[in-house]
Amino acid sequence: MNNRRMECGRGKGLGGSSLINGMCYIRGNALDLDNWAQEPGLENWSYLDCLPYYRKAETRDVGENDYHGGDGPVSVTTSKPGVNPLFEAMIEAGVQAGYPRTDDLNGYQQEGFGPMDRTVTPQGRRASTARGYLDQAKSRPKPDHSYSRYDRSHHF
């Protein structure tokens, strides 16, 4: 690369790089999860094993269905048709290039071009798993984060 440098921003807080991403909500692909489940020790990682946890985590603005939850701590908003003409043009370009159109990138047909789910609250604010789960936990007793203490009693 001819000694060029590239900046690669990373989120360094609770939630990791989801703190700085484009708020796109894309789940793991069903075929990838099913392939992982073929490996020893990962038998419970198939798509159907993970789907209840995906559903439990989210509240989707267009409603609950077989693939999406309705009362989880993470707000998921689906892009609406007609809001952004560039978005519609991008989907149409994908279809013209031979890719399928899908109504739900996190549903039955994950491959293709279609409306993007985003982690955005109904008020238009960034949503995240950290905010969804940890904000609820603030009222609980605080854990002891003793992992940051230096232990001088172990010698090698």
C-alpha atoms as a PDB file:
ATOM      1  CA  MET A   1       0.000   0.000   0.000  1.00  0.00           C
ATOM      2  CA  ASN A   2       2.984   2.250  -0.521  1.00  0.00           C
ATOM      3  CA  ASN A   3       3.320   3.030   3.208  1.00  0.00           C
ATOM      4  CA  ARG A   4       0.001   4.890   3.282  1.00  0.00           C
ATOM      5  CA  ARG A   5      -1.835   5.230   6.568  1.00  0.00           C
ATOM      6  CA  MET A   6      -5.562   4.853   7.066  1.00  0.00           C
ATOM      7  CA  GLU A   7      -7.606   6.136   9.963  1.00  0.00           C
ATOM      8  CA  CYS A   8      -9.880   3.448  11.364  1.00  0.00           C
ATOM      9  CA  GLY A   9     -11.994   4.874  14.155  1.00  0.00           C
ATOM     10  CA  ARG A  10     -12.992   2.570  16.985  1.00  0.00           C
ATOM     11  CA  GLY A  11     -15.457   3.062  19.791  1.00  0.00           C
ATOM     12  CA  LYS A  12     -13.691   2.822  23.126  1.00  0.00           C
ATOM     13  CA  GLY A  13     -16.548   2.663  25.590  1.00  0.00           C
ATOM     14  CA  LEU A  14     -19.431   0.456  26.650  1.00  0.00           C
ATOM     15  CA  GLY A  15     -20.957  -0.707  23.401  1.00  0.00           C
ATOM     16  CA  GLY A  16     -17.685  -0.626  21.457  1.00  0.00           C
ATOM     17  CA  SER A  17     -17.784   0.591  17.881  1.00  0.00           C
ATOM     18  CA  SER A  18     -21.590   0.673  17.938  1.00  0.00           C
ATOM     19  CA  LEU A  19     -21.052   4.024  19.652  1.00  0.00           C
ATOM     20  CA  ILE A  20     -19.769   5.523  16.404  1.00  0.00           C
ATOM     21  CA  ASN A  21     -21.382   3.478  13.625  1.00  0.00           C
ATOM     22  CA  GLY A  22     -24.095   4.566  11.185  1.00  0.00           C
ATOM     23  CA  MET A  23     -26.818   3.080  13.409  1.00  0.00           C
ATOM     24  CA  CYS A  24     -27.408   0.242  10.923  1.00  0.00           C
ATOM     25  CA  TYR A  25     -29.045  -2.785  12.504  1.00  0.00           C
ATOM     26  CA  ILE A  26     -27.911  -5.899  10.647  1.00  0.00           C
ATOM     27  CA  ARG A  27     -28.054  -9.275  12.323  1.00  0.00           C
ATOM     28  CA  GLY A  28     -25.771 -12.177  11.636  1.00  0.00           C
ATOM     29  CA  ASN A  29     -26.707 -14.040   8.469  1.00  0.00           C
ATOM     30  CA  ALA A  30     -28.818 -17.149   9.030  1.00  0.00           C
ATOM     31  CA  LEU A  31     -26.546 -19.305   6.858  1.00  0.00           C
ATOM     32  CA  ASP A  32     -23.456 -18.186   8.789  1.00  0.00           C
ATOM     33  CA  LEU A  33     -25.084 -19.021  12.109  1.00  0.00           C
ATOM     34  CA  ASP A  34     -26.224 -22.417  10.826  1.00  0.00           C
ATOM     35  CA  ASN A  35     -22.688 -23.141   9.601  1.00  0.00           C
ATOM     36  CA  TRP A  36     -21.254 -22.216  13.007  1.00  0.00           C
ATOM     37  CA  ALA A  37     -23.714 -24.606  14.635  1.00  0.00           C
ATOM     38  CA  GLN A  38     -22.059 -27.461  12.732  1.00  0.00           C
ATOM     39  CA  GLU A  39     -18.846 -26.935  14.687  1.00  0.00           C
ATOM     40  CA  PRO A  40     -18.231 -28.930  17.894  1.00  0.00           C
ATOM     41  CA  GLY A  41     -19.345 -26.985  20.945  1.00  0.00           C
ATOM     42  CA  LEU A  42     -21.431 -24.502  18.927  1.00  0.00           C
ATOM     43  CA  GLU A  43     -24.501 -26.672  18.395  1.00  0.00           C
ATOM     44  CA  ASN A  44     -26.791 -24.081  20.042  1.00  0.00           C
ATOM     45  CA  TRP A  45     -25.721 -21.228  17.732  1.00  0.00           C
ATOM     46  CA  SER A  46     -28.007 -21.974  14.793  1.00  0.00           C
ATOM     47  CA  TYR A  47     -30.204 -19.204  13.415  1.00  0.00           C
ATOM     48  CA  LEU A  48     -33.310 -20.711  15.008  1.00  0.00           C
ATOM     49  CA  ASP A  49     -31.500 -20.928  18.360  1.00  0.00           C
ATOM     50  CA  CYS A  50     -30.472 -17.252  18.159  1.00  0.00           C
ATOM     51  CA  LEU A  51     -33.737 -15.858  16.763  1.00  0.00           C
ATOM     52  CA  PRO A  52     -35.559 -15.730  20.138  1.00  0.00           C
ATOM     53  CA  TYR A  53     -32.718 -13.596  21.538  1.00  0.00           C
ATOM     54  CA  TYR A  54     -32.799 -11.242  18.552  1.00  0.00           C
ATOM     55  CA  ARG A  55     -36.556 -10.858  19.040  1.00  0.00           C
ATOM     56  CA  LYS A  56     -36.233 -10.387  22.797  1.00  0.00           C
ATOM     57  CA  ALA A  57     -33.678  -7.596  22.351  1.00  0.00           C
ATOM     58  CA  GLU A  58     -35.690  -5.327  20.066  1.00  0.00           C
ATOM     59  CA  THR A  59     -38.766  -3.183  19.790  1.00  0.00           C
ATOM     60  CA  ARG A  60     -39.387  -2.593  16.097  1.00  0.00           C
ATOM     61  CA  ASP A  61     -41.364   0.472  15.101  1.00  0.00           C
ATOM     62  CA  VAL A  62     -43.366  -1.287  12.383  1.00  0.00           C
ATOM     63  CA  GLY A  63     -44.493  -4.004  14.773  1.00  0.00           C
ATOM     64  CA  GLU A  64     -43.722  -7.446  16.047  1.00  0.00           C
ATOM     65  CA  ASN A  65     -43.736 -10.494  13.751  1.00  0.00           C
ATOM     66  CA  ASP A  66     -42.082 -13.925  13.502  1.00  0.00           C
ATOM     67  CA  TYR A  67     -38.648 -12.316  13.061  1.00  0.00           C
ATOM     68  CA  HIS A  68     -38.903  -9.161  15.175  1.00  0.00           C
ATOM     69  CA  GLY A  69     -39.783  -8.374  18.764  1.00  0.00           C
ATOM     70  CA  GLY A  70     -42.121  -5.747  20.113  1.00  0.00           C
ATOM     71  CA  ASP A  71     -41.026  -5.030  23.674  1.00  0.00           C
ATOM     72  CA  GLY A  72     -37.231  -5.310  23.928  1.00  0.00           C
ATOM     73  CA  PRO A  73     -34.836  -2.652  25.224  1.00  0.00           C
ATOM     74  CA  VAL A  74     -33.296  -1.758  21.826  1.00  0.00           C
ATOM     75  CA  SER A  75     -35.335   0.507  19.519  1.00  0.00           C
ATOM     76  CA  VAL A  76     -35.229  -0.566  15.878  1.00  0.00           C
ATOM     77  CA  THR A  77     -36.644   1.742  13.202  1.00  0.00           C
ATOM     78  CA  THR A  78     -37.243   0.622   9.622  1.00  0.00           C
ATOM     79  CA  SER A  79     -36.696   3.124   6.816  1.00  0.00           C
ATOM     80  CA  LYS A  80     -39.980   4.206   5.246  1.00  0.00           C
ATOM     81  CA  PRO A  81     -40.584   4.394   1.477  1.00  0.00           C
ATOM     82  CA  GLY A  82     -40.622   7.848  -0.054  1.00  0.00           C
ATOM     83  CA  VAL A  83     -38.586   9.560   2.667  1.00  0.00           C
ATOM     84  CA  ASN A  84     -35.309   9.690   0.755  1.00  0.00           C
ATOM     85  CA  PRO A  85     -35.235   9.460  -3.072  1.00  0.00           C
ATOM     86  CA  LEU A  86     -31.544   8.456  -3.012  1.00  0.00           C
ATOM     87  CA  PHE A  87     -32.393   5.486  -0.827  1.00  0.00           C
ATOM     88  CA  GLU A  88     -35.051   4.344  -3.294  1.00  0.00           C
ATOM     89  CA  ALA A  89     -32.600   4.839  -6.190  1.00  0.00           C
ATOM     90  CA  MET A  90     -30.000   2.680  -4.413  1.00  0.00           C
ATOM     91  CA  ILE A  91     -32.501  -0.153  -3.962  1.00  0.00           C
ATOM     92  CA  GLU A  92     -33.588   0.095  -7.594  1.00  0.00           C
ATOM     93  CA  ALA A  93     -29.946   0.078  -8.759  1.00  0.00           C
ATOM     94  CA  GLY A  94     -29.365  -3.130  -6.797  1.00  0.00           C
ATOM     95  CA  VAL A  95     -32.408  -4.743  -8.394  1.00  0.00           C
ATOM     96  CA  GLN A  96     -31.294  -3.630 -11.871  1.00  0.00           C
ATOM     97  CA  ALA A  97     -27.885  -5.198 -11.170  1.00  0.00           C
ATOM     98  CA  GLY A  98     -29.617  -8.533 -10.594  1.00  0.00           C
ATOM     99  CA  TYR A  99     -29.912  -8.638  -6.810  1.00  0.00           C
ATOM    100  CA  PRO A 100     -33.240  -9.497  -5.197  1.00  0.00           C
ATOM    101  CA  ARG A 101     -35.429  -6.908  -3.508  1.00  0.00           C
ATOM    102  CA  THR A 102     -36.315  -7.755   0.093  1.00  0.00           C
ATOM    103  CA  ASP A 103     -38.704  -6.052   2.463  1.00  0.00           C
ATOM    104  CA  ASP A 104     -36.729  -7.077   5.548  1.00  0.00           C
ATOM    105  CA  LEU A 105     -32.939  -7.458   5.643  1.00  0.00           C
ATOM    106  CA  ASN A 106     -33.268  -9.085   9.086  1.00  0.00           C
ATOM    107  CA  GLY A 107     -36.241 -11.302   8.224  1.00  0.00           C
ATOM    108  CA  TYR A 108     -36.915 -14.345   6.074  1.00  0.00           C
ATOM    109  CA  GLN A 109     -34.904 -13.150   3.049  1.00  0.00           C
ATOM    110  CA  GLN A 110     -31.756 -11.431   4.298  1.00  0.00           C
ATOM    111  CA  GLU A 111     -29.955 -11.204   0.973  1.00  0.00           C
ATOM    112  CA  GLY A 112     -30.833  -8.374  -1.368  1.00  0.00           C
ATOM    113  CA  PHE A 113     -31.615  -4.670  -1.371  1.00  0.00           C
ATOM    114  CA  GLY A 114     -34.344  -3.188   0.767  1.00  0.00           C
ATOM    115  CA  PRO A 115     -35.189  -0.839   3.608  1.00  0.00           C
ATOM    116  CA  MET A 116     -32.480  -0.651   6.256  1.00  0.00           C
ATOM    117  CA  ASP A 117     -33.271  -1.215   9.912  1.00  0.00           C
ATOM    118  CA  ARG A 118     -31.568   1.304  12.181  1.00  0.00           C
ATOM    119  CA  THR A 119     -31.006   1.556  15.923  1.00  0.00           C
ATOM    120  CA  VAL A 120     -32.916   4.790  16.402  1.00  0.00           C
ATOM    121  CA  THR A 121     -35.498   5.632  19.065  1.00  0.00           C
ATOM    122  CA  PRO A 122     -38.959   6.936  18.126  1.00  0.00           C
ATOM    123  CA  GLN A 123     -37.637  10.368  19.161  1.00  0.00           C
ATOM    124  CA  GLY A 124     -34.842  10.111  16.581  1.00  0.00           C
ATOM    125  CA  ARG A 125     -31.996   9.467  19.031  1.00  0.00           C
ATOM    126  CA  ARG A 126     -29.260   6.843  18.723  1.00  0.00           C
ATOM    127  CA  ALA A 127     -30.194   3.544  20.365  1.00  0.00           C
ATOM    128  CA  SER A 128     -27.759   0.813  21.387  1.00  0.00           C
ATOM    129  CA  THR A 129     -27.610  -2.366  23.394  1.00  0.00           C
ATOM    130  CA  ALA A 130     -25.516  -0.522  25.988  1.00  0.00           C
ATOM    131  CA  ARG A 131     -28.190   2.144  26.394  1.00  0.00           C
ATOM    132  CA  GLY A 132     -31.032  -0.373  26.228  1.00  0.00           C
ATOM    133  CA  TYR A 133     -29.675  -2.817  28.779  1.00  0.00           C
ATOM    134  CA  LEU A 134     -27.292  -0.823  30.972  1.00  0.00           C
ATOM    135  CA  ASP A 135     -29.634   2.123  31.536  1.00  0.00           C
ATOM    136  CA  GLN A 136     -32.133  -0.365  32.982  1.00  0.00           C
ATOM    137  CA  ALA A 137     -29.437  -1.798  35.237  1.00  0.00           C
ATOM    138  CA  LYS A 138     -28.413   1.539  36.794  1.00  0.00           C
ATOM    139  CA  SER A 139     -30.873   1.107  39.651  1.00  0.00           C
ATOM    140  CA  ARG A 140     -29.403  -2.272  40.611  1.00  0.00           C
ATOM    141  CA  PRO A 141     -26.521  -2.635  43.089  1.00  0.00           C
ATOM    142  CA  LYS A 142     -23.229  -1.813  41.435  1.00  0.00           C
ATOM    143  CA  PRO A 143     -20.873  -4.711  40.636  1.00  0.00           C
ATOM    144  CA  ASP A 144     -17.390  -4.836  42.084  1.00  0.00           C
ATOM    145  CA  HIS A 145     -15.016  -4.246  39.180  1.00  0.00           C
ATOM    146  CA  SER A 146     -12.033  -5.741  40.947  1.00  0.00           C
ATOM    147  CA  TYR A 147     -10.472  -6.814  37.654  1.00  0.00           C
ATOM    148  CA  SER A 148      -8.690  -3.447  37.509  1.00  0.00           C
ATOM    149  CA  ARG A 149      -6.802  -4.006  40.756  1.00  0.00           C
ATOM    150  CA  TYR A 150      -3.174  -5.062  40.619  1.00  0.00           C
ATOM    151  CA  ASP A 151      -2.554  -8.353  42.402  1.00  0.00           C
ATOM    152  CA  ARG A 152       0.966  -8.450  43.871  1.00  0.00           C
ATOM    153  CA  SER A 153       0.603 -11.844  45.526  1.00  0.00           C
ATOM    154  CA  HIS A 154       1.158 -13.965  42.409  1.00  0.00           C
ATOM    155  CA  HIS A 155       4.725 -14.697  41.398  1.00  0.00           C
ATOM    156  CA  PHE A 156       5.880 -16.737  38.422  1.00  0.00           C
END
